[in-house]
Amino acid sequence: MTSGEDKYWYNFTTGAVERGFASPAIDRAGPFDTPEEAANAPQLLAQRSREWAEEDEREND
């Protein structure tokens, strides 16, 4: 298993992509394998959130 130090993270506070643990955990999402994946973190998380909400709705019906 690789360390998060060699992965990329999206910083929600600054909107920047960072390599390694440059910022506090509360400010970042990841890890991602590439900077491009990290840059798409807001869209990816929004998509996953929608999918989870739809799944919850189906389970509650």
C-alpha atoms as a PDB file:
ATOM      1  CA  MET A   1       0.000   0.000   0.000  1.00  0.00           C
ATOM      2  CA  THR A   2       1.302   3.437  -0.834  1.00  0.00           C
ATOM      3  CA  SER A   3       1.411   6.354   1.528  1.00  0.00           C
ATOM      4  CA  GLY A   4      -0.812   9.379   1.050  1.00  0.00           C
ATOM      5  CA  GLU A   5       2.376  11.402   0.755  1.00  0.00           C
ATOM      6  CA  ASP A   6       2.746  10.309  -2.869  1.00  0.00           C
ATOM      7  CA  LYS A   7      -0.921  10.901  -3.745  1.00  0.00           C
ATOM      8  CA  TYR A   8      -2.829  14.015  -4.774  1.00  0.00           C
ATOM      9  CA  TRP A   9      -5.453  15.802  -2.728  1.00  0.00           C
ATOM     10  CA  TYR A  10      -8.028  18.500  -3.456  1.00  0.00           C
ATOM     11  CA  ASN A  11      -8.034  21.370  -0.960  1.00  0.00           C
ATOM     12  CA  PHE A  12     -11.600  22.667  -0.496  1.00  0.00           C
ATOM     13  CA  THR A  13     -10.432  25.838   1.226  1.00  0.00           C
ATOM     14  CA  THR A  14      -8.081  26.996  -1.522  1.00  0.00           C
ATOM     15  CA  GLY A  15      -9.377  25.017  -4.523  1.00  0.00           C
ATOM     16  CA  ALA A  16      -5.818  23.845  -5.161  1.00  0.00           C
ATOM     17  CA  VAL A  17      -4.523  20.380  -5.936  1.00  0.00           C
ATOM     18  CA  GLU A  18      -1.788  19.364  -3.519  1.00  0.00           C
ATOM     19  CA  ARG A  19       0.655  16.485  -3.379  1.00  0.00           C
ATOM     20  CA  GLY A  20       0.991  14.788  -0.026  1.00  0.00           C
ATOM     21  CA  PHE A  21      -0.307  16.011   3.297  1.00  0.00           C
ATOM     22  CA  ALA A  22       0.261  19.728   2.713  1.00  0.00           C
ATOM     23  CA  SER A  23      -2.971  20.826   4.415  1.00  0.00           C
ATOM     24  CA  PRO A  24      -5.008  19.712   7.422  1.00  0.00           C
ATOM     25  CA  ALA A  25      -7.250  16.689   6.771  1.00  0.00           C
ATOM     26  CA  ILE A  26     -10.397  18.759   7.338  1.00  0.00           C
ATOM     27  CA  ASP A  27      -9.549  20.856   4.263  1.00  0.00           C
ATOM     28  CA  ARG A  28      -8.767  18.104   1.764  1.00  0.00           C
ATOM     29  CA  ALA A  29     -10.394  15.270  -0.171  1.00  0.00           C
ATOM     30  CA  GLY A  30      -8.568  12.293  -1.561  1.00  0.00           C
ATOM     31  CA  PRO A  31      -6.337  10.576  -2.111  1.00  0.00           C
ATOM     32  CA  PHE A  32      -6.255  10.565  -5.896  1.00  0.00           C
ATOM     33  CA  ASP A  33      -3.676   8.972  -8.178  1.00  0.00           C
ATOM     34  CA  THR A  34      -3.288  11.938 -10.527  1.00  0.00           C
ATOM     35  CA  PRO A  35      -3.565  15.717 -10.250  1.00  0.00           C
ATOM     36  CA  GLU A  36      -6.327  15.636 -12.885  1.00  0.00           C
ATOM     37  CA  GLU A  37      -8.444  13.298 -10.750  1.00  0.00           C
ATOM     38  CA  ALA A  38      -7.898  15.520  -7.719  1.00  0.00           C
ATOM     39  CA  ALA A  39      -8.922  18.612  -9.700  1.00  0.00           C
ATOM     40  CA  ASN A  40     -12.248  16.902 -10.482  1.00  0.00           C
ATOM     41  CA  ALA A  41     -12.939  16.122  -6.815  1.00  0.00           C
ATOM     42  CA  PRO A  42     -15.860  18.560  -6.359  1.00  0.00           C
ATOM     43  CA  GLN A  43     -17.715  17.132  -9.360  1.00  0.00           C
ATOM     44  CA  LEU A  44     -16.938  13.546  -8.372  1.00  0.00           C
ATOM     45  CA  LEU A  45     -18.106  14.045  -4.798  1.00  0.00           C
ATOM     46  CA  ALA A  46     -21.310  15.745  -5.954  1.00  0.00           C
ATOM     47  CA  GLN A  47     -22.006  12.849  -8.326  1.00  0.00           C
ATOM     48  CA  ARG A  48     -21.402  10.258  -5.602  1.00  0.00           C
ATOM     49  CA  SER A  49     -23.603  12.186  -3.206  1.00  0.00           C
ATOM     50  CA  ARG A  50     -26.464  12.162  -5.737  1.00  0.00           C
ATOM     51  CA  GLU A  51     -25.988   8.425  -6.318  1.00  0.00           C
ATOM     52  CA  TRP A  52     -26.032   7.696  -2.569  1.00  0.00           C
ATOM     53  CA  ALA A  53     -29.159   9.814  -2.097  1.00  0.00           C
ATOM     54  CA  GLU A  54     -30.909   7.955  -4.934  1.00  0.00           C
ATOM     55  CA  GLU A  55     -29.854   4.620  -3.444  1.00  0.00           C
ATOM     56  CA  ASP A  56     -31.148   5.641  -0.014  1.00  0.00           C
ATOM     57  CA  GLU A  57     -34.429   6.742  -1.562  1.00  0.00           C
ATOM     58  CA  ARG A  58     -34.851   3.382  -3.325  1.00  0.00           C
ATOM     59  CA  GLU A  59     -34.069   1.485  -0.117  1.00  0.00           C
ATOM     60  CA  ASN A  60     -36.589   3.541   1.857  1.00  0.00           C
ATOM     61  CA  ASP A  61     -39.443   2.963  -0.611  1.00  0.00           C
END
